[in-house]
Amino acid sequence: MHLLVIVLNKEEYLDDILEAFIETGITGATIVDSVGMGKTLAYHIPIFAGLRKSIKTSDYNKMIFSVVQNDETLKQVIALIDEVLDFDVPGTGLLFVVPLTLVKGIHREELSW
């Protein structure tokens, strides 16, 4: 199992990402509003106010967390996300995967993969 984490700076693509999840059989995710460090420094700490012009960030980000059951589903969902987003373009966001060795709270009947 894997934890798929996406920090999405371009909120207009949230629906596309969730559609990719559904298309690959991922039926559960948690979405959290977040603010990046650059935005916090530039707008809330006076000494860094000069950074405002140089920091290209959206007001808020969406963090999407999902437990993905197997490698094949993970590859499929990342491929679909890559069709929608280009993470090589600055300001798009971040995607990373963390291997999981223990997960509690997901019941077998909830798993559709």
N, C-alpha and C. Protein backbone atom coordinates (compact mmCIF):
# COMPACT_ATOMS: atom_id res chain seq x y z
N MET A 1 0.84 -1.19 0.00
CA MET A 1 0.00 0.00 0.00
C MET A 1 0.88 1.24 0.00
N HIS A 2 0.29 2.32 -0.51
CA HIS A 2 1.01 3.57 -0.64
C HIS A 2 0.13 4.74 -0.20
N LEU A 3 0.77 5.78 0.27
CA LEU A 3 0.09 7.04 0.52
C LEU A 3 0.45 7.96 -0.64
N LEU A 4 -0.55 8.36 -1.41
CA LEU A 4 -0.37 9.30 -2.51
C LEU A 4 -0.75 10.68 -1.98
N VAL A 5 0.18 11.63 -2.10
CA VAL A 5 -0.05 12.99 -1.63
C VAL A 5 0.15 13.94 -2.80
N ILE A 6 -0.82 14.81 -2.99
CA ILE A 6 -0.72 15.84 -4.02
C ILE A 6 -0.95 17.18 -3.36
N VAL A 7 -0.01 18.09 -3.53
CA VAL A 7 -0.19 19.48 -3.13
C VAL A 7 -0.52 20.22 -4.42
N LEU A 8 -1.76 20.64 -4.55
CA LEU A 8 -2.26 21.20 -5.79
C LEU A 8 -2.36 22.72 -5.68
N ASN A 9 -1.52 23.42 -6.41
CA ASN A 9 -1.57 24.88 -6.40
C ASN A 9 -2.61 25.42 -7.36
N LYS A 10 -3.00 24.62 -8.33
CA LYS A 10 -3.98 25.05 -9.34
C LYS A 10 -5.31 24.36 -9.04
N GLU A 11 -6.07 25.00 -8.19
CA GLU A 11 -7.31 24.41 -7.67
C GLU A 11 -8.31 24.06 -8.77
N GLU A 12 -8.22 24.72 -9.91
CA GLU A 12 -9.16 24.44 -10.99
C GLU A 12 -9.03 23.02 -11.54
N TYR A 13 -7.96 22.30 -11.17
CA TYR A 13 -7.76 20.93 -11.63
C TYR A 13 -8.20 19.88 -10.61
N LEU A 14 -8.77 20.32 -9.51
CA LEU A 14 -9.17 19.38 -8.46
C LEU A 14 -10.17 18.35 -8.98
N ASP A 15 -11.18 18.78 -9.69
CA ASP A 15 -12.19 17.85 -10.21
C ASP A 15 -11.56 16.83 -11.15
N ASP A 16 -10.63 17.26 -11.98
CA ASP A 16 -9.96 16.34 -12.91
C ASP A 16 -9.18 15.27 -12.15
N ILE A 17 -8.53 15.67 -11.07
CA ILE A 17 -7.76 14.71 -10.28
C ILE A 17 -8.70 13.71 -9.61
N LEU A 18 -9.80 14.21 -9.06
CA LEU A 18 -10.76 13.30 -8.42
C LEU A 18 -11.39 12.36 -9.44
N GLU A 19 -11.61 12.82 -10.65
CA GLU A 19 -12.12 11.94 -11.71
C GLU A 19 -11.11 10.84 -12.03
N ALA A 20 -9.82 11.19 -12.02
CA ALA A 20 -8.78 10.18 -12.25
C ALA A 20 -8.80 9.13 -11.14
N PHE A 21 -9.03 9.58 -9.91
CA PHE A 21 -9.13 8.64 -8.80
C PHE A 21 -10.28 7.66 -9.04
N ILE A 22 -11.45 8.19 -9.36
CA ILE A 22 -12.62 7.34 -9.57
C ILE A 22 -12.39 6.38 -10.74
N GLU A 23 -11.81 6.89 -11.81
CA GLU A 23 -11.56 6.07 -13.00
C GLU A 23 -10.66 4.88 -12.71
N THR A 24 -9.75 5.03 -11.76
CA THR A 24 -8.83 3.93 -11.42
C THR A 24 -9.31 3.12 -10.22
N GLY A 25 -10.52 3.42 -9.73
CA GLY A 25 -11.08 2.64 -8.63
C GLY A 25 -10.75 3.16 -7.25
N ILE A 26 -10.12 4.30 -7.15
CA ILE A 26 -9.82 4.89 -5.85
C ILE A 26 -11.06 5.68 -5.42
N THR A 27 -11.69 5.23 -4.34
CA THR A 27 -12.96 5.84 -3.94
C THR A 27 -12.86 6.65 -2.65
N GLY A 28 -11.65 6.80 -2.14
CA GLY A 28 -11.50 7.57 -0.91
C GLY A 28 -10.28 8.47 -0.96
N ALA A 29 -10.47 9.70 -0.52
CA ALA A 29 -9.36 10.66 -0.43
C ALA A 29 -9.75 11.72 0.59
N THR A 30 -8.77 12.37 1.15
CA THR A 30 -8.99 13.49 2.04
C THR A 30 -8.41 14.73 1.39
N ILE A 31 -9.18 15.80 1.39
CA ILE A 31 -8.76 17.06 0.76
C ILE A 31 -8.72 18.12 1.84
N VAL A 32 -7.56 18.79 1.96
CA VAL A 32 -7.34 19.78 3.01
C VAL A 32 -6.86 21.08 2.38
N ASP A 33 -7.44 22.20 2.80
CA ASP A 33 -6.93 23.50 2.38
C ASP A 33 -5.61 23.75 3.08
N SER A 34 -4.65 24.32 2.36
CA SER A 34 -3.34 24.57 2.96
C SER A 34 -2.75 25.86 2.40
N VAL A 35 -1.73 26.35 3.10
CA VAL A 35 -1.01 27.55 2.68
C VAL A 35 0.46 27.21 2.70
N GLY A 36 1.17 27.59 1.64
CA GLY A 36 2.59 27.29 1.55
C GLY A 36 3.44 28.20 2.42
N MET A 37 4.65 27.77 2.66
CA MET A 37 5.59 28.51 3.49
C MET A 37 5.92 29.88 2.90
N GLY A 38 6.14 29.94 1.59
CA GLY A 38 6.47 31.21 0.94
C GLY A 38 5.39 32.25 1.15
N LYS A 39 4.15 31.85 0.97
CA LYS A 39 3.02 32.76 1.17
C LYS A 39 2.97 33.24 2.61
N THR A 40 3.15 32.34 3.55
CA THR A 40 3.11 32.69 4.96
C THR A 40 4.23 33.67 5.31
N LEU A 41 5.43 33.38 4.84
CA LEU A 41 6.55 34.29 5.13
C LEU A 41 6.33 35.67 4.53
N ALA A 42 5.92 35.70 3.27
CA ALA A 42 5.80 36.97 2.55
C ALA A 42 4.66 37.85 3.06
N TYR A 43 3.62 37.25 3.57
CA TYR A 43 2.44 38.03 3.92
C TYR A 43 2.19 38.17 5.42
N HIS A 44 2.85 37.36 6.23
CA HIS A 44 2.55 37.39 7.66
C HIS A 44 3.75 37.71 8.55
N ILE A 45 4.93 37.73 7.98
CA ILE A 45 6.13 38.05 8.76
C ILE A 45 6.77 39.27 8.12
N PRO A 46 6.68 40.43 8.76
CA PRO A 46 7.09 41.69 8.14
C PRO A 46 8.49 41.70 7.54
N ILE A 47 9.44 41.03 8.15
CA ILE A 47 10.81 41.07 7.65
C ILE A 47 10.93 40.46 6.25
N PHE A 48 9.99 39.59 5.87
CA PHE A 48 10.03 38.93 4.57
C PHE A 48 9.06 39.55 3.55
N ALA A 49 8.48 40.69 3.87
CA ALA A 49 7.49 41.31 2.99
C ALA A 49 8.06 41.60 1.60
N GLY A 50 9.35 41.81 1.49
CA GLY A 50 9.97 42.07 0.20
C GLY A 50 9.92 40.88 -0.74
N LEU A 51 9.63 39.71 -0.22
CA LEU A 51 9.55 38.50 -1.04
C LEU A 51 8.26 38.43 -1.85
N ARG A 52 7.28 39.26 -1.55
CA ARG A 52 5.96 39.15 -2.19
C ARG A 52 6.04 39.16 -3.71
N LYS A 53 6.87 40.02 -4.26
CA LYS A 53 6.95 40.11 -5.72
C LYS A 53 7.64 38.91 -6.35
N SER A 54 8.54 38.28 -5.62
CA SER A 54 9.30 37.18 -6.20
C SER A 54 8.65 35.82 -5.99
N ILE A 55 7.67 35.74 -5.11
CA ILE A 55 7.03 34.45 -4.83
C ILE A 55 5.79 34.32 -5.69
N LYS A 56 5.79 33.28 -6.52
CA LYS A 56 4.64 33.03 -7.37
C LYS A 56 3.85 31.87 -6.77
N THR A 57 2.88 32.20 -5.95
CA THR A 57 2.08 31.17 -5.32
C THR A 57 0.62 31.57 -5.38
N SER A 58 -0.22 30.58 -5.37
CA SER A 58 -1.65 30.86 -5.28
C SER A 58 -1.98 31.19 -3.84
N ASP A 59 -3.16 31.72 -3.61
CA ASP A 59 -3.55 32.06 -2.24
C ASP A 59 -3.59 30.82 -1.35
N TYR A 60 -4.22 29.78 -1.84
CA TYR A 60 -4.34 28.55 -1.06
C TYR A 60 -4.06 27.37 -1.96
N ASN A 61 -3.67 26.29 -1.34
CA ASN A 61 -3.43 25.03 -2.03
C ASN A 61 -4.47 24.03 -1.56
N LYS A 62 -4.59 22.96 -2.29
CA LYS A 62 -5.38 21.81 -1.86
C LYS A 62 -4.40 20.66 -1.68
N MET A 63 -4.44 20.02 -0.53
CA MET A 63 -3.65 18.81 -0.31
C MET A 63 -4.60 17.64 -0.38
N ILE A 64 -4.25 16.69 -1.22
CA ILE A 64 -5.08 15.51 -1.43
C ILE A 64 -4.29 14.30 -0.94
N PHE A 65 -4.87 13.55 -0.03
CA PHE A 65 -4.24 12.35 0.52
C PHE A 65 -5.11 11.15 0.16
N SER A 66 -4.48 10.08 -0.30
CA SER A 66 -5.24 8.86 -0.56
C SER A 66 -4.36 7.64 -0.35
N VAL A 67 -4.93 6.62 0.28
CA VAL A 67 -4.24 5.34 0.42
C VAL A 67 -4.56 4.53 -0.83
N VAL A 68 -3.51 4.11 -1.52
CA VAL A 68 -3.66 3.35 -2.77
C VAL A 68 -3.20 1.92 -2.49
N GLN A 69 -4.06 0.98 -2.82
CA GLN A 69 -3.86 -0.42 -2.43
C GLN A 69 -2.68 -1.10 -3.12
N ASN A 70 -2.47 -0.85 -4.42
CA ASN A 70 -1.44 -1.64 -5.11
C ASN A 70 -0.67 -0.80 -6.12
N ASP A 71 0.44 -1.36 -6.57
CA ASP A 71 1.34 -0.66 -7.49
C ASP A 71 0.67 -0.33 -8.83
N GLU A 72 -0.12 -1.25 -9.35
CA GLU A 72 -0.75 -1.04 -10.65
C GLU A 72 -1.73 0.14 -10.61
N THR A 73 -2.55 0.19 -9.57
CA THR A 73 -3.49 1.31 -9.43
C THR A 73 -2.73 2.62 -9.27
N LEU A 74 -1.65 2.60 -8.52
CA LEU A 74 -0.83 3.79 -8.33
C LEU A 74 -0.27 4.29 -9.67
N LYS A 75 0.27 3.38 -10.47
CA LYS A 75 0.81 3.76 -11.78
C LYS A 75 -0.29 4.35 -12.67
N GLN A 76 -1.46 3.72 -12.65
CA GLN A 76 -2.57 4.19 -13.49
C GLN A 76 -3.02 5.59 -13.09
N VAL A 77 -3.19 5.83 -11.79
CA VAL A 77 -3.69 7.14 -11.37
C VAL A 77 -2.66 8.23 -11.63
N ILE A 78 -1.38 7.92 -11.43
CA ILE A 78 -0.34 8.92 -11.70
C ILE A 78 -0.29 9.24 -13.20
N ALA A 79 -0.46 8.23 -14.04
CA ALA A 79 -0.48 8.47 -15.49
C ALA A 79 -1.64 9.38 -15.87
N LEU A 80 -2.81 9.17 -15.29
CA LEU A 80 -3.95 10.03 -15.59
C LEU A 80 -3.74 11.44 -15.07
N ILE A 81 -3.16 11.56 -13.89
CA ILE A 81 -2.87 12.89 -13.34
C ILE A 81 -1.86 13.62 -14.22
N ASP A 82 -0.86 12.89 -14.71
CA ASP A 82 0.15 13.49 -15.59
C ASP A 82 -0.46 13.99 -16.91
N GLU A 83 -1.58 13.43 -17.32
CA GLU A 83 -2.28 13.93 -18.51
C GLU A 83 -2.92 15.29 -18.25
N VAL A 84 -3.25 15.56 -17.00
CA VAL A 84 -3.94 16.79 -16.62
C VAL A 84 -2.94 17.88 -16.18
N LEU A 85 -1.95 17.48 -15.41
CA LEU A 85 -1.00 18.44 -14.81
C LEU A 85 0.42 18.17 -15.27
N ASP A 86 1.20 19.23 -15.39
CA ASP A 86 2.63 19.11 -15.68
C ASP A 86 3.37 19.63 -14.45
N PHE A 87 3.83 18.73 -13.62
CA PHE A 87 4.51 19.11 -12.38
C PHE A 87 5.87 19.73 -12.63
N ASP A 88 6.36 19.68 -13.87
CA ASP A 88 7.62 20.34 -14.19
C ASP A 88 7.46 21.85 -14.35
N VAL A 89 6.22 22.31 -14.48
CA VAL A 89 5.94 23.74 -14.60
C VAL A 89 5.88 24.33 -13.18
N PRO A 90 6.73 25.30 -12.87
CA PRO A 90 6.72 25.90 -11.53
C PRO A 90 5.33 26.44 -11.17
N GLY A 91 4.96 26.22 -9.92
CA GLY A 91 3.68 26.72 -9.43
C GLY A 91 2.52 25.75 -9.60
N THR A 92 2.78 24.59 -10.23
CA THR A 92 1.71 23.60 -10.42
C THR A 92 1.38 22.90 -9.13
N GLY A 93 2.40 22.45 -8.44
CA GLY A 93 2.20 21.70 -7.20
C GLY A 93 3.25 20.64 -7.04
N LEU A 94 2.91 19.64 -6.26
CA LEU A 94 3.85 18.59 -5.89
C LEU A 94 3.09 17.29 -5.75
N LEU A 95 3.67 16.20 -6.21
CA LEU A 95 3.10 14.87 -6.03
C LEU A 95 4.20 13.99 -5.46
N PHE A 96 3.86 13.24 -4.41
CA PHE A 96 4.81 12.26 -3.92
C PHE A 96 4.07 11.07 -3.33
N VAL A 97 4.81 9.96 -3.20
CA VAL A 97 4.25 8.70 -2.73
C VAL A 97 5.10 8.20 -1.58
N VAL A 98 4.44 7.72 -0.54
CA VAL A 98 5.13 7.17 0.62
C VAL A 98 4.63 5.73 0.81
N PRO A 99 5.55 4.76 0.92
CA PRO A 99 5.10 3.39 1.17
C PRO A 99 4.51 3.26 2.58
N LEU A 100 3.46 2.48 2.70
CA LEU A 100 2.81 2.27 3.99
C LEU A 100 3.03 0.84 4.44
N THR A 101 3.38 0.69 5.70
CA THR A 101 3.55 -0.65 6.24
C THR A 101 2.40 -1.05 7.16
N LEU A 102 1.61 -0.08 7.59
CA LEU A 102 0.48 -0.36 8.46
C LEU A 102 -0.61 0.67 8.21
N VAL A 103 -1.82 0.18 8.01
CA VAL A 103 -2.98 1.06 7.85
C VAL A 103 -4.11 0.49 8.68
N LYS A 104 -4.72 1.31 9.51
CA LYS A 104 -5.89 0.91 10.29
C LYS A 104 -7.04 1.85 9.93
N GLY A 105 -8.23 1.34 10.00
CA GLY A 105 -9.40 2.18 9.75
C GLY A 105 -10.01 2.01 8.38
N ILE A 106 -9.35 1.27 7.49
CA ILE A 106 -9.94 0.96 6.20
C ILE A 106 -10.45 -0.47 6.31
N HIS A 107 -11.72 -0.62 6.16
CA HIS A 107 -12.34 -1.94 6.30
C HIS A 107 -12.40 -2.62 4.95
N ARG A 108 -12.19 -3.90 4.93
CA ARG A 108 -12.11 -4.66 3.68
C ARG A 108 -13.31 -4.42 2.77
N GLU A 109 -14.51 -4.31 3.34
CA GLU A 109 -15.68 -4.10 2.47
C GLU A 109 -15.67 -2.72 1.82
N GLU A 110 -14.87 -1.79 2.36
CA GLU A 110 -14.75 -0.47 1.76
C GLU A 110 -13.78 -0.46 0.58
N LEU A 111 -12.93 -1.45 0.50
CA LEU A 111 -11.94 -1.50 -0.56
C LEU A 111 -12.58 -2.00 -1.84
N SER A 112 -12.44 -1.18 -2.88
CA SER A 112 -13.00 -1.59 -4.17
C SER A 112 -11.89 -1.98 -5.13
N TRP A 113 -10.64 -1.94 -4.67
CA TRP A 113 -9.56 -2.27 -5.58
C TRP A 113 -9.12 -3.64 -5.29
